[in-house]
Amino acid sequence: MAKFNLAAPFEGVSGKLDKDDKLVFSQRYGITHAWEVEHSEQDPTAAQIAARTRFSTAATKAAQDMSDPEKKAEWQEIADASKGKYKTARGVAFASYYSQTSPVE
């Protein structure tokens, strides 16, 4: 896989450039990421549905914790102590909740 530094032309770009485009851009911590997406015409499998449910459950719980200042501070403490593994309180909360839910079989 090749890496390119296209910071100036793509700075601040996120999403698709065109609705039919397969290339998607996102911004994370000041870095522009790009990837190609393939959409399947088939119905999702049971394993895919379980994985999506696991992900959304963890994301919902983490988002709820971020609205509570005390819980957010607790998660931020863990993130700060992680020596760079986690950059945000939300990230460490999500990772914790995601690991607590049963994995996809």
C-alpha atoms as a PDB file:
ATOM      1  CA  MET A   1       0.000   0.000   0.000  1.00  0.00           C
ATOM      2  CA  ALA A   2       1.377   3.393  -0.930  1.00  0.00           C
ATOM      3  CA  LYS A   3       1.220   6.486   1.254  1.00  0.00           C
ATOM      4  CA  PHE A   4       0.991   9.977  -0.180  1.00  0.00           C
ATOM      5  CA  ASN A   5       1.175  13.352   1.491  1.00  0.00           C
ATOM      6  CA  LEU A   6      -1.684  15.309  -0.068  1.00  0.00           C
ATOM      7  CA  ALA A   7      -2.283  17.573   2.909  1.00  0.00           C
ATOM      8  CA  ALA A   8      -2.787  20.882   1.124  1.00  0.00           C
ATOM      9  CA  PRO A   9      -5.338  19.914  -1.555  1.00  0.00           C
ATOM     10  CA  PHE A  10      -7.370  17.660   0.756  1.00  0.00           C
ATOM     11  CA  GLU A  11      -7.127  19.603   4.017  1.00  0.00           C
ATOM     12  CA  GLY A  12     -10.558  19.722   5.641  1.00  0.00           C
ATOM     13  CA  VAL A  13     -12.143  17.330   3.121  1.00  0.00           C
ATOM     14  CA  SER A  14     -14.490  14.691   4.515  1.00  0.00           C
ATOM     15  CA  GLY A  15     -17.059  12.416   2.961  1.00  0.00           C
ATOM     16  CA  LYS A  16     -17.349  11.669  -0.732  1.00  0.00           C
ATOM     17  CA  LEU A  17     -16.464  14.123  -3.484  1.00  0.00           C
ATOM     18  CA  ASP A  18     -19.372  12.812  -5.567  1.00  0.00           C
ATOM     19  CA  LYS A  19     -22.414  10.692  -4.631  1.00  0.00           C
ATOM     20  CA  ASP A  20     -21.262   7.850  -6.910  1.00  0.00           C
ATOM     21  CA  ASP A  21     -17.651   8.068  -5.746  1.00  0.00           C
ATOM     22  CA  LYS A  22     -16.143   5.033  -4.013  1.00  0.00           C
ATOM     23  CA  LEU A  23     -13.389   7.100  -2.392  1.00  0.00           C
ATOM     24  CA  VAL A  24     -14.244   8.419   1.092  1.00  0.00           C
ATOM     25  CA  PHE A  25     -12.261  10.988   3.096  1.00  0.00           C
ATOM     26  CA  SER A  26     -12.265  11.657   6.824  1.00  0.00           C
ATOM     27  CA  GLN A  27     -10.341  13.863   9.237  1.00  0.00           C
ATOM     28  CA  ARG A  28      -8.984  12.424  12.486  1.00  0.00           C
ATOM     29  CA  TYR A  29      -6.663  14.319  14.788  1.00  0.00           C
ATOM     30  CA  GLY A  30      -5.491  16.596  11.978  1.00  0.00           C
ATOM     31  CA  ILE A  31      -4.756  13.761   9.541  1.00  0.00           C
ATOM     32  CA  THR A  32      -6.739  13.173   6.347  1.00  0.00           C
ATOM     33  CA  HIS A  33      -7.603   9.508   5.750  1.00  0.00           C
ATOM     34  CA  ALA A  34      -8.955   8.117   2.470  1.00  0.00           C
ATOM     35  CA  TRP A  35     -10.288   4.674   1.641  1.00  0.00           C
ATOM     36  CA  GLU A  36     -12.304   2.937  -1.046  1.00  0.00           C
ATOM     37  CA  VAL A  37     -15.758   1.582  -0.235  1.00  0.00           C
ATOM     38  CA  GLU A  38     -17.519  -1.313  -1.883  1.00  0.00           C
ATOM     39  CA  HIS A  39     -21.246  -1.718  -1.353  1.00  0.00           C
ATOM     40  CA  SER A  40     -22.769  -5.162  -1.526  1.00  0.00           C
ATOM     41  CA  GLU A  41     -26.141  -5.745  -3.120  1.00  0.00           C
ATOM     42  CA  GLN A  42     -26.687  -8.790  -0.897  1.00  0.00           C
ATOM     43  CA  ASP A  43     -28.572  -8.778   2.397  1.00  0.00           C
ATOM     44  CA  PRO A  44     -26.312  -8.650   5.467  1.00  0.00           C
ATOM     45  CA  THR A  45     -25.447 -11.966   7.095  1.00  0.00           C
ATOM     46  CA  ALA A  46     -26.301 -12.815  10.699  1.00  0.00           C
ATOM     47  CA  ALA A  47     -22.646 -12.237  11.656  1.00  0.00           C
ATOM     48  CA  GLN A  48     -22.670  -8.784  10.021  1.00  0.00           C
ATOM     49  CA  ILE A  49     -25.858  -7.819  11.830  1.00  0.00           C
ATOM     50  CA  ALA A  50     -24.385  -9.028  15.141  1.00  0.00           C
ATOM     51  CA  ALA A  51     -21.187  -7.038  14.535  1.00  0.00           C
ATOM     52  CA  ARG A  52     -23.157  -3.880  13.718  1.00  0.00           C
ATOM     53  CA  THR A  53     -25.290  -4.334  16.833  1.00  0.00           C
ATOM     54  CA  ARG A  54     -22.206  -4.824  19.008  1.00  0.00           C
ATOM     55  CA  PHE A  55     -20.610  -1.687  17.542  1.00  0.00           C
ATOM     56  CA  SER A  56     -23.715   0.491  17.883  1.00  0.00           C
ATOM     57  CA  THR A  57     -24.351  -0.680  21.461  1.00  0.00           C
ATOM     58  CA  ALA A  58     -20.813   0.262  22.487  1.00  0.00           C
ATOM     59  CA  ALA A  59     -21.042   3.608  20.653  1.00  0.00           C
ATOM     60  CA  THR A  60     -24.376   4.440  22.318  1.00  0.00           C
ATOM     61  CA  LYS A  61     -23.067   3.650  25.813  1.00  0.00           C
ATOM     62  CA  ALA A  62     -19.907   5.697  25.220  1.00  0.00           C
ATOM     63  CA  ALA A  63     -21.952   8.656  23.943  1.00  0.00           C
ATOM     64  CA  GLN A  64     -24.179   8.502  27.034  1.00  0.00           C
ATOM     65  CA  ASP A  65     -21.105   8.582  29.280  1.00  0.00           C
ATOM     66  CA  MET A  66     -19.803  11.660  27.475  1.00  0.00           C
ATOM     67  CA  SER A  67     -22.955  13.576  28.474  1.00  0.00           C
ATOM     68  CA  ASP A  68     -22.234  12.878  32.168  1.00  0.00           C
ATOM     69  CA  PRO A  69     -19.355  15.160  33.297  1.00  0.00           C
ATOM     70  CA  GLU A  70     -18.256  12.792  36.106  1.00  0.00           C
ATOM     71  CA  LYS A  71     -18.092   9.706  33.889  1.00  0.00           C
ATOM     72  CA  LYS A  72     -16.408  11.702  31.122  1.00  0.00           C
ATOM     73  CA  ALA A  73     -13.738  12.849  33.592  1.00  0.00           C
ATOM     74  CA  GLU A  74     -13.162   9.257  34.716  1.00  0.00           C
ATOM     75  CA  TRP A  75     -12.740   8.085  31.117  1.00  0.00           C
ATOM     76  CA  GLN A  76     -10.452  11.043  30.359  1.00  0.00           C
ATOM     77  CA  GLU A  77      -8.243  10.062  33.292  1.00  0.00           C
ATOM     78  CA  ILE A  78      -7.866   6.579  31.823  1.00  0.00           C
ATOM     79  CA  ALA A  79      -7.168   8.018  28.357  1.00  0.00           C
ATOM     80  CA  ASP A  80      -4.489  10.351  29.751  1.00  0.00           C
ATOM     81  CA  ALA A  81      -2.839   7.452  31.597  1.00  0.00           C
ATOM     82  CA  SER A  82      -2.829   5.226  28.493  1.00  0.00           C
ATOM     83  CA  LYS A  83       0.434   6.730  27.172  1.00  0.00           C
ATOM     84  CA  GLY A  84      -1.057   7.530  23.770  1.00  0.00           C
ATOM     85  CA  LYS A  85      -3.072   4.356  23.237  1.00  0.00           C
ATOM     86  CA  TYR A  86      -6.294   6.342  23.578  1.00  0.00           C
ATOM     87  CA  LYS A  87      -6.549   9.976  22.541  1.00  0.00           C
ATOM     88  CA  THR A  88     -10.025  10.750  23.855  1.00  0.00           C
ATOM     89  CA  ALA A  89     -12.320   9.837  26.729  1.00  0.00           C
ATOM     90  CA  ARG A  90     -14.907   8.685  24.206  1.00  0.00           C
ATOM     91  CA  GLY A  91     -12.370   6.381  22.546  1.00  0.00           C
ATOM     92  CA  VAL A  92     -11.441   4.606  25.761  1.00  0.00           C
ATOM     93  CA  ALA A  93     -15.109   4.331  26.797  1.00  0.00           C
ATOM     94  CA  PHE A  94     -16.035   2.840  23.421  1.00  0.00           C
ATOM     95  CA  ALA A  95     -13.142   0.352  23.553  1.00  0.00           C
ATOM     96  CA  SER A  96     -14.148  -0.713  27.047  1.00  0.00           C
ATOM     97  CA  TYR A  97     -17.821  -1.234  26.182  1.00  0.00           C
ATOM     98  CA  TYR A  98     -16.944  -2.926  22.885  1.00  0.00           C
ATOM     99  CA  SER A  99     -14.702  -5.454  24.657  1.00  0.00           C
ATOM    100  CA  GLN A 100     -17.426  -6.155  27.250  1.00  0.00           C
ATOM    101  CA  THR A 101     -20.046  -7.140  24.685  1.00  0.00           C
ATOM    102  CA  SER A 102     -19.929 -10.671  23.372  1.00  0.00           C
ATOM    103  CA  PRO A 103     -17.890 -10.985  20.180  1.00  0.00           C
ATOM    104  CA  VAL A 104     -19.385 -12.104  16.906  1.00  0.00           C
ATOM    105  CA  GLU A 105     -19.270 -15.864  16.535  1.00  0.00           C
END
